[in-house]
């Protein structure tokens, strides 16, 4: 049984693991690199189109999701962010893609995960209530129609996720490429 994102289970797991490992070289932990981790959901309508959101703070489309918080698993972050952004509960299924993004401008390198968000029927779509202070609109689009409104690496990553969803795979990418 999968208990990912269960705070009580994680707390127990930490206790069961015992004392944290100490540093063998004093100060090394503070000098190690840190990566950001983001998790999104590939949500489709009954026609197979992908749900995209328009964040108010960037000119490109995104899929629902966002950055993990401290001590939050990627799966828990995906569930939280999708619920916050769309205002509905969405079953977040299996992991489709793990994609590494290099440092780019201000943004340090990161791991981008995409989970299967399943298919929404018309009734669930009508119940979507966008987080107005973050998302201006949402729409279902075919991947080809969305490409011109996505960063190229994001388009490649979402194509990988769609392929993984269709094939029953989990894929690894680097900057959206296999």
N, C-alpha and C. Protein backbone atom coordinates (compact mmCIF):
# COMPACT_ATOMS: atom_id res chain seq x y z
N UNK A 1 0.85 -1.18 0.00
CA UNK A 1 0.00 0.00 0.00
C UNK A 1 0.89 1.24 0.00
N UNK A 2 0.56 2.22 -0.83
CA UNK A 2 1.34 3.44 -0.96
C UNK A 2 0.81 4.50 0.00
N UNK A 3 1.67 4.96 0.91
CA UNK A 3 1.28 5.99 1.87
C UNK A 3 2.01 7.30 1.60
N UNK A 4 2.47 7.51 0.37
CA UNK A 4 3.23 8.71 0.04
C UNK A 4 2.46 9.96 0.42
N UNK A 5 3.14 10.87 1.05
CA UNK A 5 2.54 12.13 1.42
C UNK A 5 1.84 12.11 2.77
N UNK A 6 1.83 10.97 3.46
CA UNK A 6 1.20 10.86 4.77
C UNK A 6 2.18 11.35 5.83
N UNK A 7 1.93 12.54 6.42
CA UNK A 7 2.87 13.11 7.40
C UNK A 7 3.12 12.20 8.61
N UNK A 8 2.09 11.51 9.09
CA UNK A 8 2.27 10.63 10.25
C UNK A 8 3.17 9.45 9.90
N UNK A 9 2.98 8.91 8.72
CA UNK A 9 3.83 7.79 8.28
C UNK A 9 5.27 8.25 8.11
N UNK A 10 5.46 9.42 7.50
CA UNK A 10 6.82 9.94 7.34
C UNK A 10 7.49 10.17 8.70
N UNK A 11 6.73 10.72 9.65
CA UNK A 11 7.29 10.95 10.99
C UNK A 11 7.72 9.63 11.62
N UNK A 12 6.90 8.60 11.48
CA UNK A 12 7.25 7.29 12.02
C UNK A 12 8.47 6.72 11.30
N UNK A 13 8.51 6.88 9.98
CA UNK A 13 9.67 6.40 9.22
C UNK A 13 10.95 7.07 9.69
N UNK A 14 10.90 8.36 9.98
CA UNK A 14 12.08 9.07 10.48
C UNK A 14 12.51 8.51 11.83
N UNK A 15 11.54 8.26 12.71
CA UNK A 15 11.86 7.66 14.01
C UNK A 15 12.49 6.29 13.84
N UNK A 16 11.89 5.48 12.96
CA UNK A 16 12.40 4.13 12.72
C UNK A 16 13.81 4.13 12.14
N UNK A 17 14.14 5.17 11.38
CA UNK A 17 15.47 5.25 10.77
C UNK A 17 16.56 5.55 11.79
N UNK A 18 16.20 6.04 12.96
CA UNK A 18 17.17 6.32 14.00
C UNK A 18 17.83 7.68 13.82
N UNK A 19 18.91 7.86 14.55
CA UNK A 19 19.62 9.13 14.50
C UNK A 19 20.15 9.40 13.10
N UNK A 20 20.10 10.68 12.66
CA UNK A 20 20.65 11.01 11.35
C UNK A 20 22.15 10.69 11.29
N UNK A 21 22.60 10.36 10.10
CA UNK A 21 24.02 10.11 9.90
C UNK A 21 24.78 11.39 10.16
N UNK A 22 25.89 11.29 10.87
CA UNK A 22 26.72 12.46 11.13
C UNK A 22 27.64 12.77 9.97
N UNK A 23 28.19 13.96 10.00
CA UNK A 23 29.16 14.35 8.96
C UNK A 23 30.52 13.74 9.29
N UNK A 24 31.14 13.16 8.29
CA UNK A 24 32.49 12.64 8.48
C UNK A 24 33.52 13.74 8.27
N UNK A 25 33.14 14.75 7.49
CA UNK A 25 33.98 15.93 7.28
C UNK A 25 33.12 17.12 7.70
N UNK A 26 33.48 17.79 8.76
CA UNK A 26 32.69 18.87 9.30
C UNK A 26 32.43 19.95 8.24
N UNK A 27 31.17 20.34 8.09
CA UNK A 27 30.78 21.40 7.17
C UNK A 27 30.47 20.95 5.76
N UNK A 28 30.69 19.67 5.45
CA UNK A 28 30.50 19.22 4.06
C UNK A 28 29.03 19.33 3.63
N UNK A 29 28.10 19.03 4.53
CA UNK A 29 26.68 19.06 4.16
C UNK A 29 26.25 20.44 3.69
N UNK A 30 26.76 21.48 4.33
CA UNK A 30 26.36 22.84 3.94
C UNK A 30 26.96 23.26 2.61
N UNK A 31 27.99 22.56 2.15
CA UNK A 31 28.62 22.91 0.88
C UNK A 31 28.08 22.10 -0.29
N UNK A 32 27.23 21.12 -0.04
CA UNK A 32 26.70 20.30 -1.12
C UNK A 32 25.65 21.07 -1.92
N UNK A 33 25.54 20.79 -3.20
CA UNK A 33 24.55 21.48 -4.02
C UNK A 33 23.13 21.09 -3.62
N UNK A 34 22.21 22.00 -3.89
CA UNK A 34 20.80 21.73 -3.64
C UNK A 34 20.05 21.92 -4.95
N UNK A 35 19.13 21.04 -5.21
CA UNK A 35 18.31 21.13 -6.42
C UNK A 35 16.89 21.48 -6.02
N UNK A 36 16.20 22.17 -6.91
CA UNK A 36 14.77 22.36 -6.75
C UNK A 36 14.08 21.13 -7.31
N UNK A 37 12.89 20.85 -6.80
CA UNK A 37 12.08 19.76 -7.32
C UNK A 37 10.68 20.29 -7.56
N UNK A 38 10.17 20.05 -8.75
CA UNK A 38 8.80 20.45 -9.09
C UNK A 38 8.04 19.21 -9.54
N UNK A 39 6.73 19.22 -9.30
CA UNK A 39 5.90 18.09 -9.68
C UNK A 39 4.60 18.60 -10.28
N UNK A 40 4.25 18.06 -11.43
CA UNK A 40 3.03 18.45 -12.11
C UNK A 40 2.22 17.23 -12.50
N UNK A 41 0.99 17.49 -12.95
CA UNK A 41 0.08 16.41 -13.31
C UNK A 41 -0.34 16.53 -14.77
N UNK A 42 -0.27 15.41 -15.47
CA UNK A 42 -0.77 15.31 -16.84
C UNK A 42 -2.25 14.92 -16.73
N UNK A 43 -3.12 15.93 -16.81
CA UNK A 43 -4.57 15.73 -16.68
C UNK A 43 -5.18 15.87 -18.07
N UNK A 44 -6.07 14.95 -18.43
CA UNK A 44 -6.68 14.99 -19.75
C UNK A 44 -8.19 15.06 -19.66
N UNK A 45 -8.80 15.50 -20.77
CA UNK A 45 -10.25 15.41 -20.89
C UNK A 45 -10.57 14.11 -21.63
N UNK A 46 -11.85 13.84 -21.84
CA UNK A 46 -12.25 12.58 -22.47
C UNK A 46 -11.80 12.47 -23.93
N UNK A 47 -11.43 13.59 -24.54
CA UNK A 47 -10.93 13.58 -25.92
C UNK A 47 -9.41 13.37 -25.97
N UNK A 48 -8.75 13.28 -24.80
CA UNK A 48 -7.31 13.07 -24.75
C UNK A 48 -6.49 14.34 -24.76
N UNK A 49 -7.16 15.50 -24.74
CA UNK A 49 -6.42 16.76 -24.70
C UNK A 49 -5.88 17.00 -23.28
N UNK A 50 -4.78 17.72 -23.19
CA UNK A 50 -4.09 17.98 -21.92
C UNK A 50 -4.58 19.29 -21.32
N UNK A 51 -4.74 19.29 -19.98
CA UNK A 51 -5.13 20.50 -19.26
C UNK A 51 -3.91 21.38 -19.03
N UNK A 52 -3.98 22.61 -19.51
CA UNK A 52 -2.94 23.60 -19.29
C UNK A 52 -3.51 24.76 -18.50
N UNK A 53 -2.67 25.36 -17.68
CA UNK A 53 -3.06 26.56 -16.93
C UNK A 53 -2.19 27.71 -17.37
N UNK A 54 -2.74 28.93 -17.24
CA UNK A 54 -2.00 30.16 -17.55
C UNK A 54 -1.68 30.87 -16.25
N UNK A 55 -0.45 30.74 -15.75
CA UNK A 55 -0.08 31.45 -14.53
C UNK A 55 -0.05 32.96 -14.78
N UNK A 56 -0.42 33.74 -13.79
CA UNK A 56 -0.42 35.19 -13.95
C UNK A 56 0.99 35.78 -13.92
N UNK A 57 1.97 34.99 -13.49
CA UNK A 57 3.32 35.49 -13.29
C UNK A 57 4.31 35.06 -14.37
N UNK A 58 3.84 34.44 -15.46
CA UNK A 58 4.75 34.07 -16.54
C UNK A 58 3.98 34.01 -17.85
N UNK A 59 4.67 34.20 -18.97
CA UNK A 59 3.99 34.28 -20.27
C UNK A 59 3.73 32.93 -20.94
N UNK A 60 4.12 31.84 -20.30
CA UNK A 60 3.98 30.52 -20.91
C UNK A 60 2.94 29.68 -20.18
N UNK A 61 2.38 28.73 -20.91
CA UNK A 61 1.47 27.76 -20.29
C UNK A 61 2.25 26.82 -19.38
N UNK A 62 1.55 26.23 -18.44
CA UNK A 62 2.08 25.21 -17.55
C UNK A 62 1.04 24.12 -17.41
N UNK A 63 1.44 22.98 -16.88
CA UNK A 63 0.47 22.00 -16.43
C UNK A 63 0.28 22.27 -14.94
N UNK A 64 -0.84 21.86 -14.36
CA UNK A 64 -1.04 22.08 -12.93
C UNK A 64 0.07 21.41 -12.11
N UNK A 65 0.54 22.11 -11.09
CA UNK A 65 1.60 21.58 -10.24
C UNK A 65 2.48 22.70 -9.76
N UNK A 66 3.60 22.36 -9.15
CA UNK A 66 4.51 23.39 -8.66
C UNK A 66 5.66 22.80 -7.87
N UNK A 67 6.38 23.68 -7.18
CA UNK A 67 7.56 23.30 -6.42
C UNK A 67 7.21 22.60 -5.12
N UNK A 68 8.08 21.69 -4.73
CA UNK A 68 7.93 21.06 -3.43
C UNK A 68 8.34 22.05 -2.35
N UNK A 69 7.74 21.92 -1.20
CA UNK A 69 8.14 22.69 -0.03
C UNK A 69 9.13 21.85 0.76
N UNK A 70 9.80 22.46 1.74
CA UNK A 70 10.74 21.71 2.58
C UNK A 70 10.02 20.52 3.22
N UNK A 71 10.67 19.37 3.18
CA UNK A 71 10.16 18.13 3.77
C UNK A 71 8.82 17.68 3.20
N UNK A 72 8.55 18.03 1.95
CA UNK A 72 7.33 17.60 1.26
C UNK A 72 7.75 16.71 0.10
N UNK A 73 7.12 15.57 -0.03
CA UNK A 73 7.45 14.67 -1.15
C UNK A 73 6.92 15.27 -2.45
N UNK A 74 7.52 14.89 -3.59
CA UNK A 74 7.00 15.36 -4.87
C UNK A 74 5.54 14.98 -5.10
N UNK A 75 5.15 13.78 -4.70
CA UNK A 75 3.76 13.36 -4.87
C UNK A 75 2.82 14.22 -4.03
N UNK A 76 3.19 14.47 -2.78
CA UNK A 76 2.36 15.33 -1.92
C UNK A 76 2.29 16.74 -2.48
N UNK A 77 3.40 17.25 -3.01
CA UNK A 77 3.41 18.60 -3.60
C UNK A 77 2.49 18.65 -4.81
N UNK A 78 2.54 17.61 -5.64
CA UNK A 78 1.68 17.57 -6.82
C UNK A 78 0.21 17.60 -6.40
N UNK A 79 -0.16 16.75 -5.45
CA UNK A 79 -1.55 16.74 -4.96
C UNK A 79 -1.96 18.10 -4.43
N UNK A 80 -1.11 18.70 -3.60
CA UNK A 80 -1.41 19.99 -2.98
C UNK A 80 -1.56 21.08 -4.03
N UNK A 81 -0.58 21.17 -4.93
CA UNK A 81 -0.59 22.22 -5.95
C UNK A 81 -1.78 22.09 -6.90
N UNK A 82 -2.09 20.87 -7.33
CA UNK A 82 -3.23 20.67 -8.23
C UNK A 82 -4.53 21.10 -7.54
N UNK A 83 -4.69 20.71 -6.28
CA UNK A 83 -5.89 21.10 -5.54
C UNK A 83 -5.96 22.61 -5.37
N UNK A 84 -4.83 23.23 -5.00
CA UNK A 84 -4.81 24.69 -4.83
C UNK A 84 -5.15 25.41 -6.14
N UNK A 85 -4.54 24.98 -7.23
CA UNK A 85 -4.72 25.68 -8.50
C UNK A 85 -6.08 25.45 -9.14
N UNK A 86 -6.62 24.24 -9.02
CA UNK A 86 -7.87 23.90 -9.70
C UNK A 86 -9.09 23.89 -8.79
N UNK A 87 -8.88 23.81 -7.48
CA UNK A 87 -10.00 23.81 -6.55
C UNK A 87 -10.78 22.51 -6.51
N UNK A 88 -10.25 21.45 -7.10
CA UNK A 88 -10.91 20.14 -7.05
C UNK A 88 -9.86 19.09 -6.67
N UNK A 89 -10.35 17.98 -6.14
CA UNK A 89 -9.47 16.84 -5.87
C UNK A 89 -9.29 16.07 -7.17
N UNK A 90 -8.05 15.75 -7.47
CA UNK A 90 -7.73 14.96 -8.66
C UNK A 90 -6.89 13.78 -8.18
N UNK A 91 -7.25 12.58 -8.62
CA UNK A 91 -6.43 11.42 -8.26
C UNK A 91 -5.11 11.52 -9.02
N UNK A 92 -4.02 11.56 -8.27
CA UNK A 92 -2.69 11.62 -8.87
C UNK A 92 -2.15 10.19 -8.88
N UNK A 93 -1.93 9.68 -10.06
CA UNK A 93 -1.50 8.30 -10.23
C UNK A 93 0.00 8.14 -10.34
N UNK A 94 0.40 7.25 -11.20
CA UNK A 94 1.81 6.84 -11.29
C UNK A 94 2.70 7.93 -11.88
N UNK A 95 3.97 7.81 -11.59
CA UNK A 95 4.99 8.71 -12.11
C UNK A 95 5.20 8.40 -13.59
N UNK A 96 5.14 9.44 -14.42
CA UNK A 96 5.35 9.28 -15.86
C UNK A 96 6.76 9.67 -16.29
N UNK A 97 7.24 10.80 -15.77
CA UNK A 97 8.52 11.36 -16.23
C UNK A 97 9.31 11.94 -15.06
N UNK A 98 10.61 11.69 -15.09
CA UNK A 98 11.58 12.42 -14.26
C UNK A 98 12.49 13.11 -15.26
N UNK A 99 12.56 14.43 -15.18
CA UNK A 99 13.34 15.20 -16.16
C UNK A 99 14.26 16.15 -15.43
N UNK A 100 15.55 16.11 -15.78
CA UNK A 100 16.52 17.02 -15.19
C UNK A 100 16.59 18.28 -16.03
N UNK A 101 16.56 19.43 -15.36
CA UNK A 101 16.68 20.74 -16.02
C UNK A 101 18.00 21.37 -15.59
N UNK A 102 18.82 21.86 -16.52
CA UNK A 102 20.07 22.52 -16.15
C UNK A 102 19.81 23.92 -15.58
N UNK A 103 20.82 24.46 -14.94
CA UNK A 103 20.75 25.85 -14.50
C UNK A 103 20.48 26.72 -15.72
N UNK A 104 19.56 27.67 -15.56
CA UNK A 104 19.19 28.53 -16.68
C UNK A 104 18.84 29.90 -16.11
N UNK A 105 19.69 30.88 -16.41
CA UNK A 105 19.47 32.22 -15.86
C UNK A 105 19.54 32.20 -14.35
N UNK A 106 18.54 32.76 -13.70
CA UNK A 106 18.50 32.79 -12.24
C UNK A 106 18.21 31.45 -11.60
N UNK A 107 17.62 30.55 -12.38
CA UNK A 107 17.08 29.31 -11.83
C UNK A 107 18.14 28.22 -11.80
N UNK A 108 18.35 27.64 -10.61
CA UNK A 108 19.32 26.55 -10.46
C UNK A 108 18.77 25.27 -11.09
N UNK A 109 19.62 24.30 -11.25
CA UNK A 109 19.16 23.06 -11.86
C UNK A 109 18.09 22.41 -10.98
N UNK A 110 17.26 21.61 -11.62
CA UNK A 110 16.12 21.06 -10.90
C UNK A 110 15.71 19.71 -11.47
N UNK A 111 14.90 19.02 -10.71
CA UNK A 111 14.26 17.80 -11.15
C UNK A 111 12.78 18.13 -11.34
N UNK A 112 12.26 17.78 -12.50
CA UNK A 112 10.87 18.03 -12.86
C UNK A 112 10.18 16.68 -13.00
N UNK A 113 9.15 16.44 -12.20
CA UNK A 113 8.43 15.18 -12.24
C UNK A 113 7.02 15.42 -12.76
N UNK A 114 6.54 14.51 -13.58
CA UNK A 114 5.15 14.58 -14.04
C UNK A 114 4.47 13.27 -13.69
N UNK A 115 3.33 13.40 -12.99
CA UNK A 115 2.50 12.26 -12.59
C UNK A 115 1.27 12.20 -13.48
N UNK A 116 0.67 11.04 -13.56
CA UNK A 116 -0.57 10.86 -14.30
C UNK A 116 -1.73 11.43 -13.47
N UNK A 117 -2.40 12.44 -14.01
CA UNK A 117 -3.54 13.05 -13.33
C UNK A 117 -4.88 12.53 -13.81
N UNK A 118 -4.86 11.54 -14.70
CA UNK A 118 -6.09 10.90 -15.14
C UNK A 118 -6.93 11.75 -16.09
N UNK A 119 -8.17 11.32 -16.24
CA UNK A 119 -9.11 11.94 -17.18
C UNK A 119 -10.25 12.56 -16.38
N UNK A 120 -10.58 13.80 -16.70
CA UNK A 120 -11.71 14.49 -16.07
C UNK A 120 -12.90 14.44 -17.02
N UNK A 121 -14.06 14.08 -16.49
CA UNK A 121 -15.28 14.13 -17.30
C UNK A 121 -15.83 15.56 -17.27
N UNK A 122 -16.86 15.82 -18.05
CA UNK A 122 -17.40 17.18 -18.17
C UNK A 122 -17.88 17.74 -16.83
N UNK A 123 -18.45 16.90 -15.97
CA UNK A 123 -18.93 17.36 -14.67
C UNK A 123 -17.78 17.85 -13.80
N UNK A 124 -16.69 17.09 -13.75
CA UNK A 124 -15.52 17.50 -12.95
C UNK A 124 -14.89 18.75 -13.54
N UNK A 125 -14.87 18.87 -14.85
CA UNK A 125 -14.30 20.06 -15.49
C UNK A 125 -15.10 21.29 -15.09
N UNK A 126 -16.43 21.18 -15.07
CA UNK A 126 -17.28 22.33 -14.67
C UNK A 126 -17.04 22.75 -13.22
N UNK A 127 -16.57 21.84 -12.38
CA UNK A 127 -16.34 22.16 -10.97
C UNK A 127 -14.98 22.82 -10.71
N UNK A 128 -14.14 22.94 -11.73
CA UNK A 128 -12.85 23.59 -11.55
C UNK A 128 -13.07 25.04 -11.13
N UNK A 129 -12.36 25.45 -10.07
CA UNK A 129 -12.37 26.83 -9.57
C UNK A 129 -10.91 27.26 -9.43
N UNK A 130 -10.46 28.09 -10.36
CA UNK A 130 -9.05 28.47 -10.41
C UNK A 130 -8.65 29.34 -9.23
N UNK A 131 -7.41 29.18 -8.81
CA UNK A 131 -6.81 30.00 -7.77
C UNK A 131 -6.51 31.36 -8.41
N UNK A 132 -7.39 32.34 -8.20
CA UNK A 132 -7.36 33.60 -8.94
C UNK A 132 -6.07 34.39 -8.75
N UNK A 133 -5.41 34.26 -7.62
CA UNK A 133 -4.19 35.03 -7.40
C UNK A 133 -2.96 34.38 -8.04
N UNK A 134 -3.17 33.25 -8.74
CA UNK A 134 -2.05 32.57 -9.39
C UNK A 134 -2.35 32.15 -10.83
N UNK A 135 -3.59 31.75 -11.11
CA UNK A 135 -3.95 31.19 -12.41
C UNK A 135 -5.05 32.04 -13.05
N UNK A 136 -4.80 32.52 -14.29
CA UNK A 136 -5.81 33.34 -14.95
C UNK A 136 -6.83 32.53 -15.74
N UNK A 137 -6.41 31.36 -16.27
CA UNK A 137 -7.33 30.52 -17.02
C UNK A 137 -6.76 29.12 -17.16
N UNK A 138 -7.64 28.20 -17.57
CA UNK A 138 -7.19 26.85 -17.90
C UNK A 138 -7.90 26.45 -19.18
N UNK A 139 -7.26 25.54 -19.91
CA UNK A 139 -7.84 25.06 -21.16
C UNK A 139 -7.24 23.71 -21.51
N UNK A 140 -8.04 22.91 -22.20
CA UNK A 140 -7.57 21.63 -22.70
C UNK A 140 -7.11 21.83 -24.14
N UNK A 141 -5.89 21.37 -24.42
CA UNK A 141 -5.32 21.55 -25.76
C UNK A 141 -4.64 20.27 -26.21
N UNK A 142 -4.65 20.03 -27.53
CA UNK A 142 -3.79 19.00 -28.10
C UNK A 142 -2.36 19.48 -27.96
N UNK A 143 -1.43 18.54 -27.85
CA UNK A 143 -0.03 18.92 -27.67
C UNK A 143 0.48 19.81 -28.80
N UNK A 144 0.11 19.51 -30.03
CA UNK A 144 0.58 20.34 -31.15
C UNK A 144 0.08 21.77 -31.03
N UNK A 145 -1.16 21.96 -30.59
CA UNK A 145 -1.73 23.31 -30.44
C UNK A 145 -1.07 24.06 -29.30
N UNK A 146 -0.60 23.35 -28.28
CA UNK A 146 0.01 24.00 -27.12
C UNK A 146 1.47 24.37 -27.33
N UNK A 147 2.16 23.71 -28.26
CA UNK A 147 3.61 23.86 -28.41
C UNK A 147 4.07 25.31 -28.54
N UNK A 148 3.36 26.12 -29.29
CA UNK A 148 3.80 27.50 -29.51
C UNK A 148 3.64 28.36 -28.26
N UNK A 149 2.92 27.85 -27.26
CA UNK A 149 2.69 28.59 -26.02
C UNK A 149 3.44 27.99 -24.84
N UNK A 150 4.36 27.09 -25.15
CA UNK A 150 5.19 26.43 -24.13
C UNK A 150 6.66 26.71 -24.40
N UNK A 151 7.47 26.71 -23.36
CA UNK A 151 8.91 26.69 -23.57
C UNK A 151 9.23 25.38 -24.27
N UNK A 152 10.20 25.37 -25.18
CA UNK A 152 10.52 24.13 -25.91
C UNK A 152 10.81 22.94 -24.99
N UNK A 153 11.57 23.17 -23.91
CA UNK A 153 11.88 22.06 -22.99
C UNK A 153 10.62 21.54 -22.32
N UNK A 154 9.68 22.42 -21.99
CA UNK A 154 8.42 22.00 -21.37
C UNK A 154 7.59 21.19 -22.36
N UNK A 155 7.55 21.63 -23.62
CA UNK A 155 6.82 20.88 -24.64
C UNK A 155 7.39 19.48 -24.79
N UNK A 156 8.73 19.37 -24.82
CA UNK A 156 9.36 18.06 -24.94
C UNK A 156 9.03 17.19 -23.72
N UNK A 157 9.07 17.78 -22.52
CA UNK A 157 8.79 17.03 -21.29
C UNK A 157 7.35 16.51 -21.28
N UNK A 158 6.41 17.35 -21.68
CA UNK A 158 5.01 16.94 -21.69
C UNK A 158 4.78 15.87 -22.76
N UNK A 159 5.46 15.98 -23.89
CA UNK A 159 5.37 14.92 -24.91
C UNK A 159 5.90 13.59 -24.36
N UNK A 160 7.01 13.65 -23.61
CA UNK A 160 7.53 12.44 -22.98
C UNK A 160 6.50 11.85 -22.03
N UNK A 161 5.88 12.71 -21.23
CA UNK A 161 4.88 12.24 -20.26
C UNK A 161 3.69 11.61 -20.97
N UNK A 162 3.25 12.23 -22.04
CA UNK A 162 2.10 11.69 -22.78
C UNK A 162 2.45 10.32 -23.37
N UNK A 163 3.65 10.22 -23.91
CA UNK A 163 4.11 8.94 -24.47
C UNK A 163 4.19 7.88 -23.37
N UNK A 164 4.73 8.27 -22.21
CA UNK A 164 4.84 7.34 -21.08
C UNK A 164 3.46 6.88 -20.61
N UNK A 165 2.52 7.81 -20.61
CA UNK A 165 1.15 7.47 -20.20
C UNK A 165 0.55 6.45 -21.16
N UNK A 166 0.72 6.67 -22.45
CA UNK A 166 0.17 5.76 -23.46
C UNK A 166 0.84 4.39 -23.43
N UNK A 167 2.17 4.37 -23.21
CA UNK A 167 2.94 3.13 -23.27
C UNK A 167 3.01 2.38 -21.95
N UNK A 168 2.54 3.01 -20.85
CA UNK A 168 2.64 2.37 -19.54
C UNK A 168 4.03 2.41 -18.96
N UNK A 169 4.86 3.35 -19.43
CA UNK A 169 6.25 3.48 -19.00
C UNK A 169 6.42 4.61 -17.99
N UNK A 170 7.60 4.65 -17.40
CA UNK A 170 8.11 5.82 -16.70
C UNK A 170 9.41 6.16 -17.42
N UNK A 171 9.54 7.41 -17.85
CA UNK A 171 10.70 7.80 -18.66
C UNK A 171 11.59 8.79 -17.90
N UNK A 172 12.86 8.75 -18.21
CA UNK A 172 13.82 9.71 -17.70
C UNK A 172 14.24 10.61 -18.84
N UNK A 173 14.31 11.91 -18.58
CA UNK A 173 14.76 12.85 -19.59
C UNK A 173 15.76 13.83 -19.02
N UNK A 174 16.43 14.52 -19.94
CA UNK A 174 17.31 15.63 -19.57
C UNK A 174 16.96 16.78 -20.49
N UNK A 175 16.41 17.85 -19.87
CA UNK A 175 15.95 19.03 -20.57
C UNK A 175 14.89 18.65 -21.61
N UNK A 176 14.07 17.67 -21.23
CA UNK A 176 12.97 17.23 -22.08
C UNK A 176 13.34 16.24 -23.15
N UNK A 177 14.59 15.80 -23.15
CA UNK A 177 15.01 14.83 -24.17
C UNK A 177 15.35 13.50 -23.51
N UNK A 178 15.02 12.43 -24.18
CA UNK A 178 15.33 11.08 -23.70
C UNK A 178 16.75 10.71 -23.92
